[in-house]
Amino acid sequence: GEITRAHFETLAVSINTGTNLPSVATPNGQAAFLFLLTSALAPIIRLGYGRMVYMALPYTIVLTIVGYLFQ
């Protein structure tokens, strides 16, 4: 079947906020951060789990706002 552009955009927002938001603050949801955390560079750049969560906070906030506005 066919869907309207508005319905498509609503689905896109729902999928992004529903699948990305819960995994943003977990190491598995942050593959690049996880790679750095397990590498020898982690102590040099002072990267830890708490810092990873802090660095992902802006993304989490933006996705939360977008999900709320376009629900």
PDB file of N, CA and C in Angstrom:
ATOM      1  N   GLY A   1       0.805  -1.182   0.000  1.00  0.00           N
ATOM      2  CA  GLY A   1       0.000   0.000   0.000  1.00  0.00           C
ATOM      3  C   GLY A   1       0.852   1.251   0.000  1.00  0.00           C
ATOM      4  N   GLU A   2       0.190   2.336  -0.184  1.00  0.00           N
ATOM      5  CA  GLU A   2       0.860   3.631  -0.190  1.00  0.00           C
ATOM      6  C   GLU A   2       0.614   4.354   1.126  1.00  0.00           C
ATOM      7  N   ILE A   3       1.606   5.158   1.517  1.00  0.00           N
ATOM      8  CA  ILE A   3       1.449   5.988   2.711  1.00  0.00           C
ATOM      9  C   ILE A   3       1.752   7.432   2.339  1.00  0.00           C
ATOM     10  N   THR A   4       1.215   8.336   3.112  1.00  0.00           N
ATOM     11  CA  THR A   4       1.448   9.759   2.843  1.00  0.00           C
ATOM     12  C   THR A   4       2.827  10.162   3.345  1.00  0.00           C
ATOM     13  N   ARG A   5       3.282  11.296   2.871  1.00  0.00           N
ATOM     14  CA  ARG A   5       4.585  11.826   3.302  1.00  0.00           C
ATOM     15  C   ARG A   5       4.578  12.098   4.807  1.00  0.00           C
ATOM     16  N   ALA A   6       3.479  12.651   5.315  1.00  0.00           N
ATOM     17  CA  ALA A   6       3.377  12.955   6.750  1.00  0.00           C
ATOM     18  C   ALA A   6       3.459  11.676   7.583  1.00  0.00           C
ATOM     19  N   HIS A   7       2.784  10.627   7.111  1.00  0.00           N
ATOM     20  CA  HIS A   7       2.829   9.352   7.835  1.00  0.00           C
ATOM     21  C   HIS A   7       4.239   8.761   7.793  1.00  0.00           C
ATOM     22  N   PHE A   8       4.907   8.876   6.658  1.00  0.00           N
ATOM     23  CA  PHE A   8       6.278   8.396   6.520  1.00  0.00           C
ATOM     24  C   PHE A   8       7.208   9.115   7.492  1.00  0.00           C
ATOM     25  N   GLU A   9       7.083  10.442   7.577  1.00  0.00           N
ATOM     26  CA  GLU A   9       7.931  11.215   8.483  1.00  0.00           C
ATOM     27  C   GLU A   9       7.657  10.860   9.941  1.00  0.00           C
ATOM     28  N   THR A  10       6.391  10.640  10.278  1.00  0.00           N
ATOM     29  CA  THR A  10       6.051  10.234  11.642  1.00  0.00           C
ATOM     30  C   THR A  10       6.670   8.878  11.967  1.00  0.00           C
ATOM     31  N   LEU A  11       6.618   7.957  11.025  1.00  0.00           N
ATOM     32  CA  LEU A  11       7.237   6.648  11.234  1.00  0.00           C
ATOM     33  C   LEU A  11       8.751   6.765  11.401  1.00  0.00           C
ATOM     34  N   ALA A  12       9.384   7.623  10.608  1.00  0.00           N
ATOM     35  CA  ALA A  12      10.832   7.801  10.703  1.00  0.00           C
ATOM     36  C   ALA A  12      11.228   8.330  12.075  1.00  0.00           C
ATOM     37  N   VAL A  13      10.492   9.313  12.575  1.00  0.00           N
ATOM     38  CA  VAL A  13      10.777   9.861  13.904  1.00  0.00           C
ATOM     39  C   VAL A  13      10.553   8.793  14.968  1.00  0.00           C
ATOM     40  N   SER A  14       9.479   8.045  14.847  1.00  0.00           N
ATOM     41  CA  SER A  14       9.177   6.992  15.826  1.00  0.00           C
ATOM     42  C   SER A  14      10.265   5.932  15.860  1.00  0.00           C
ATOM     43  N   ILE A  15      10.734   5.540  14.702  1.00  0.00           N
ATOM     44  CA  ILE A  15      11.773   4.513  14.639  1.00  0.00           C
ATOM     45  C   ILE A  15      13.069   5.031  15.248  1.00  0.00           C
ATOM     46  N   ASN A  16      13.460   6.258  14.895  1.00  0.00           N
ATOM     47  CA  ASN A  16      14.702   6.812  15.438  1.00  0.00           C
ATOM     48  C   ASN A  16      14.652   6.984  16.942  1.00  0.00           C
ATOM     49  N   THR A  17      13.566   7.547  17.444  1.00  0.00           N
ATOM     50  CA  THR A  17      13.493   7.764  18.891  1.00  0.00           C
ATOM     51  C   THR A  17      13.270   6.454  19.631  1.00  0.00           C
ATOM     52  N   GLY A  18      12.563   5.528  19.036  1.00  0.00           N
ATOM     53  CA  GLY A  18      12.272   4.266  19.713  1.00  0.00           C
ATOM     54  C   GLY A  18      13.439   3.304  19.747  1.00  0.00           C
ATOM     55  N   THR A  19      14.275   3.326  18.715  1.00  0.00           N
ATOM     56  CA  THR A  19      15.390   2.377  18.676  1.00  0.00           C
ATOM     57  C   THR A  19      16.707   3.004  19.093  1.00  0.00           C
ATOM     58  N   ASN A  20      16.935   4.252  18.757  1.00  0.00           N
ATOM     59  CA  ASN A  20      18.213   4.884  19.079  1.00  0.00           C
ATOM     60  C   ASN A  20      18.278   5.422  20.496  1.00  0.00           C
ATOM     61  N   LEU A  21      17.201   6.019  20.955  1.00  0.00           N
ATOM     62  CA  LEU A  21      17.222   6.675  22.259  1.00  0.00           C
ATOM     63  C   LEU A  21      17.568   5.731  23.399  1.00  0.00           C
ATOM     64  N   PRO A  22      16.959   4.548  23.494  1.00  0.00           N
ATOM     65  CA  PRO A  22      17.310   3.673  24.620  1.00  0.00           C
ATOM     66  C   PRO A  22      18.759   3.186  24.588  1.00  0.00           C
ATOM     67  N   SER A  23      19.350   3.087  23.405  1.00  0.00           N
ATOM     68  CA  SER A  23      20.707   2.546  23.324  1.00  0.00           C
ATOM     69  C   SER A  23      21.786   3.617  23.306  1.00  0.00           C
ATOM     70  N   VAL A  24      21.412   4.870  23.301  1.00  0.00           N
ATOM     71  CA  VAL A  24      22.401   5.939  23.198  1.00  0.00           C
ATOM     72  C   VAL A  24      23.369   5.937  24.374  1.00  0.00           C
ATOM     73  N   ALA A  25      22.880   5.740  25.575  1.00  0.00           N
ATOM     74  CA  ALA A  25      23.727   5.839  26.763  1.00  0.00           C
ATOM     75  C   ALA A  25      24.338   4.503  27.170  1.00  0.00           C
ATOM     76  N   THR A  26      24.342   3.536  26.287  1.00  0.00           N
ATOM     77  CA  THR A  26      24.976   2.257  26.595  1.00  0.00           C
ATOM     78  C   THR A  26      26.186   2.078  25.695  1.00  0.00           C
ATOM     79  N   PRO A  27      27.204   1.390  26.165  1.00  0.00           N
ATOM     80  CA  PRO A  27      28.394   1.200  25.322  1.00  0.00           C
ATOM     81  C   PRO A  27      28.073   0.487  24.011  1.00  0.00           C
ATOM     82  N   ASN A  28      27.131  -0.450  24.029  1.00  0.00           N
ATOM     83  CA  ASN A  28      26.800  -1.156  22.791  1.00  0.00           C
ATOM     84  C   ASN A  28      26.129  -0.238  21.783  1.00  0.00           C
ATOM     85  N   GLY A  29      25.473   0.801  22.255  1.00  0.00           N
ATOM     86  CA  GLY A  29      24.836   1.755  21.365  1.00  0.00           C
ATOM     87  C   GLY A  29      25.805   2.786  20.826  1.00  0.00           C
ATOM     88  N   GLN A  30      27.000   2.794  21.363  1.00  0.00           N
ATOM     89  CA  GLN A  30      28.014   3.763  20.950  1.00  0.00           C
ATOM     90  C   GLN A  30      29.251   3.008  20.480  1.00  0.00           C
ATOM     91  N   ALA A  31      29.175   2.436  19.318  1.00  0.00           N
ATOM     92  CA  ALA A  31      30.250   1.567  18.836  1.00  0.00           C
ATOM     93  C   ALA A  31      31.595   2.285  18.774  1.00  0.00           C
ATOM     94  N   ALA A  32      31.602   3.527  18.322  1.00  0.00           N
ATOM     95  CA  ALA A  32      32.872   4.261  18.233  1.00  0.00           C
ATOM     96  C   ALA A  32      33.451   4.498  19.619  1.00  0.00           C
ATOM     97  N   PHE A  33      32.591   4.872  20.568  1.00  0.00           N
ATOM     98  CA  PHE A  33      33.061   5.078  21.938  1.00  0.00           C
ATOM     99  C   PHE A  33      33.542   3.762  22.546  1.00  0.00           C
ATOM    100  N   LEU A  34      32.814   2.685  22.270  1.00  0.00           N
ATOM    101  CA  LEU A  34      33.192   1.383  22.814  1.00  0.00           C
ATOM    102  C   LEU A  34      34.556   0.962  22.286  1.00  0.00           C
ATOM    103  N   PHE A  35      34.804   1.216  21.012  1.00  0.00           N
ATOM    104  CA  PHE A  35      36.111   0.900  20.439  1.00  0.00           C
ATOM    105  C   PHE A  35      37.204   1.672  21.164  1.00  0.00           C
ATOM    106  N   LEU A  36      36.974   2.967  21.380  1.00  0.00           N
ATOM    107  CA  LEU A  36      37.968   3.776  22.084  1.00  0.00           C
ATOM    108  C   LEU A  36      38.138   3.335  23.531  1.00  0.00           C
ATOM    109  N   LEU A  37      37.018   2.992  24.184  1.00  0.00           N
ATOM    110  CA  LEU A  37      37.070   2.602  25.592  1.00  0.00           C
ATOM    111  C   LEU A  37      37.923   1.358  25.791  1.00  0.00           C
ATOM    112  N   THR A  38      37.902   0.459  24.822  1.00  0.00           N
ATOM    113  CA  THR A  38      38.663  -0.783  24.950  1.00  0.00           C
ATOM    114  C   THR A  38      40.049  -0.682  24.323  1.00  0.00           C
ATOM    115  N   SER A  39      40.400   0.470  23.794  1.00  0.00           N
ATOM    116  CA  SER A  39      41.710   0.608  23.159  1.00  0.00           C
ATOM    117  C   SER A  39      42.717   1.199  24.148  1.00  0.00           C
ATOM    118  N   ALA A  40      43.960   1.222  23.740  1.00  0.00           N
ATOM    119  CA  ALA A  40      45.026   1.780  24.571  1.00  0.00           C
ATOM    120  C   ALA A  40      44.918   3.296  24.678  1.00  0.00           C
ATOM    121  N   LEU A  41      44.114   3.902  23.817  1.00  0.00           N
ATOM    122  CA  LEU A  41      43.955   5.359  23.864  1.00  0.00           C
ATOM    123  C   LEU A  41      43.074   5.828  25.020  1.00  0.00           C
ATOM    124  N   ALA A  42      42.245   4.946  25.555  1.00  0.00           N
ATOM    125  CA  ALA A  42      41.285   5.337  26.594  1.00  0.00           C
ATOM    126  C   ALA A  42      41.939   6.056  27.772  1.00  0.00           C
ATOM    127  N   PRO A  43      43.025   5.527  28.351  1.00  0.00           N
ATOM    128  CA  PRO A  43      43.626   6.253  29.475  1.00  0.00           C
ATOM    129  C   PRO A  43      44.261   7.580  29.056  1.00  0.00           C
ATOM    130  N   ILE A  44      44.758   7.621  27.846  1.00  0.00           N
ATOM    131  CA  ILE A  44      45.420   8.845  27.377  1.00  0.00           C
ATOM    132  C   ILE A  44      44.411   9.978  27.212  1.00  0.00           C
ATOM    133  N   ILE A  45      43.242   9.671  26.656  1.00  0.00           N
ATOM    134  CA  ILE A  45      42.220  10.709  26.460  1.00  0.00           C
ATOM    135  C   ILE A  45      41.212  10.743  27.607  1.00  0.00           C
ATOM    136  N   ARG A  46      41.508  10.002  28.666  1.00  0.00           N
ATOM    137  CA  ARG A  46      40.681   9.956  29.888  1.00  0.00           C
ATOM    138  C   ARG A  46      39.219   9.640  29.566  1.00  0.00           C
ATOM    139  N   LEU A  47      39.024   8.581  28.817  1.00  0.00           N
ATOM    140  CA  LEU A  47      37.679   8.161  28.435  1.00  0.00           C
ATOM    141  C   LEU A  47      37.227   7.022  29.328  1.00  0.00           C
ATOM    142  N   GLY A  48      36.108   7.197  29.954  1.00  0.00           N
ATOM    143  CA  GLY A  48      35.501   6.160  30.777  1.00  0.00           C
ATOM    144  C   GLY A  48      34.025   6.067  30.446  1.00  0.00           C
ATOM    145  N   TYR A  49      33.335   5.138  31.110  1.00  0.00           N
ATOM    146  CA  TYR A  49      31.915   4.948  30.824  1.00  0.00           C
ATOM    147  C   TYR A  49      31.116   6.216  31.126  1.00  0.00           C
ATOM    148  N   GLY A  50      31.399   6.859  32.258  1.00  0.00           N
ATOM    149  CA  GLY A  50      30.678   8.085  32.627  1.00  0.00           C
ATOM    150  C   GLY A  50      30.866   9.186  31.598  1.00  0.00           C
ATOM    151  N   ARG A  51      32.079   9.316  31.110  1.00  0.00           N
ATOM    152  CA  ARG A  51      32.350  10.340  30.087  1.00  0.00           C
ATOM    153  C   ARG A  51      31.638  10.006  28.777  1.00  0.00           C
ATOM    154  N   MET A  52      31.553   8.720  28.453  1.00  0.00           N
ATOM    155  CA  MET A  52      30.819   8.321  27.249  1.00  0.00           C
ATOM    156  C   MET A  52      29.358   8.732  27.355  1.00  0.00           C
ATOM    157  N   VAL A  53      28.757   8.476  28.514  1.00  0.00           N
ATOM    158  CA  VAL A  53      27.356   8.847  28.724  1.00  0.00           C
ATOM    159  C   VAL A  53      27.205  10.358  28.616  1.00  0.00           C
ATOM    160  N   TYR A  54      28.139  11.097  29.215  1.00  0.00           N
ATOM    161  CA  TYR A  54      28.099  12.561  29.169  1.00  0.00           C
ATOM    162  C   TYR A  54      28.217  13.068  27.729  1.00  0.00           C
ATOM    163  N   MET A  55      29.073  12.456  26.939  1.00  0.00           N
ATOM    164  CA  MET A  55      29.256  12.882  25.552  1.00  0.00           C
ATOM    165  C   MET A  55      28.026  12.574  24.704  1.00  0.00           C
ATOM    166  N   ALA A  56      27.257  11.564  25.078  1.00  0.00           N
ATOM    167  CA  ALA A  56      26.053  11.207  24.325  1.00  0.00           C
ATOM    168  C   ALA A  56      24.831  11.989  24.787  1.00  0.00           C
ATOM    169  N   LEU A  57      24.954  12.745  25.862  1.00  0.00           N
ATOM    170  CA  LEU A  57      23.816  13.471  26.421  1.00  0.00           C
ATOM    171  C   LEU A  57      23.159  14.439  25.433  1.00  0.00           C
ATOM    172  N   PRO A  58      23.903  15.248  24.669  1.00  0.00           N
ATOM    173  CA  PRO A  58      23.232  16.147  23.710  1.00  0.00           C
ATOM    174  C   PRO A  58      22.378  15.390  22.689  1.00  0.00           C
ATOM    175  N   TYR A  59      22.890  14.277  22.192  1.00  0.00           N
ATOM    176  CA  TYR A  59      22.138  13.458  21.234  1.00  0.00           C
ATOM    177  C   TYR A  59      20.863  12.925  21.879  1.00  0.00           C
ATOM    178  N   THR A  60      20.975  12.487  23.127  1.00  0.00           N
ATOM    179  CA  THR A  60      19.814  11.972  23.854  1.00  0.00           C
ATOM    180  C   THR A  60      18.762  13.056  24.033  1.00  0.00           C
ATOM    181  N   ILE A  61      19.196  14.249  24.397  1.00  0.00           N
ATOM    182  CA  ILE A  61      18.264  15.364  24.615  1.00  0.00           C
ATOM    183  C   ILE A  61      17.560  15.742  23.316  1.00  0.00           C
ATOM    184  N   VAL A  62      18.319  15.853  22.236  1.00  0.00           N
ATOM    185  CA  VAL A  62      17.729  16.227  20.944  1.00  0.00           C
ATOM    186  C   VAL A  62      16.718  15.181  20.489  1.00  0.00           C
ATOM    187  N   LEU A  63      17.060  13.901  20.591  1.00  0.00           N
ATOM    188  CA  LEU A  63      16.119  12.863  20.178  1.00  0.00           C
ATOM    189  C   LEU A  63      14.870  12.857  21.046  1.00  0.00           C
ATOM    190  N   THR A  64      15.030  13.136  22.326  1.00  0.00           N
ATOM    191  CA  THR A  64      13.873  13.199  23.218  1.00  0.00           C
ATOM    192  C   THR A  64      12.945  14.332  22.811  1.00  0.00           C
ATOM    193  N   ILE A  65      13.503  15.502  22.531  1.00  0.00           N
ATOM    194  CA  ILE A  65      12.696  16.664  22.136  1.00  0.00           C
ATOM    195  C   ILE A  65      11.997  16.405  20.803  1.00  0.00           C
ATOM    196  N   VAL A  66      12.735  15.886  19.828  1.00  0.00           N
ATOM    197  CA  VAL A  66      12.144  15.610  18.517  1.00  0.00           C
ATOM    198  C   VAL A  66      11.030  14.573  18.642  1.00  0.00           C
ATOM    199  N   GLY A  67      11.265  13.534  19.419  1.00  0.00           N
ATOM    200  CA  GLY A  67      10.236  12.520  19.625  1.00  0.00           C
ATOM    201  C   GLY A  67       9.000  13.083  20.294  1.00  0.00           C
ATOM    202  N   TYR A  68       9.198  13.988  21.236  1.00  0.00           N
ATOM    203  CA  TYR A  68       8.064  14.598  21.934  1.00  0.00           C
ATOM    204  C   TYR A  68       7.281  15.524  21.002  1.00  0.00           C
ATOM    205  N   LEU A  69       7.995  16.321  20.202  1.00  0.00           N
ATOM    206  CA  LEU A  69       7.333  17.286  19.323  1.00  0.00           C
ATOM    207  C   LEU A  69       6.575  16.619  18.183  1.00  0.00           C
ATOM    208  N   PHE A  70       7.067  15.503  17.690  1.00  0.00           N
ATOM    209  CA  PHE A  70       6.471  14.866  16.518  1.00  0.00           C
ATOM    210  C   PHE A  70       5.685  13.609  16.844  1.00  0.00           C
ATOM    211  N   GLN A  71       5.250  13.486  18.089  1.00  0.00           N
ATOM    212  CA  GLN A  71       4.480  12.282  18.453  1.00  0.00           C
ATOM    213  C   GLN A  71       3.095  12.321  17.879  1.00  0.00           C
TER     214      GLN A  71
END
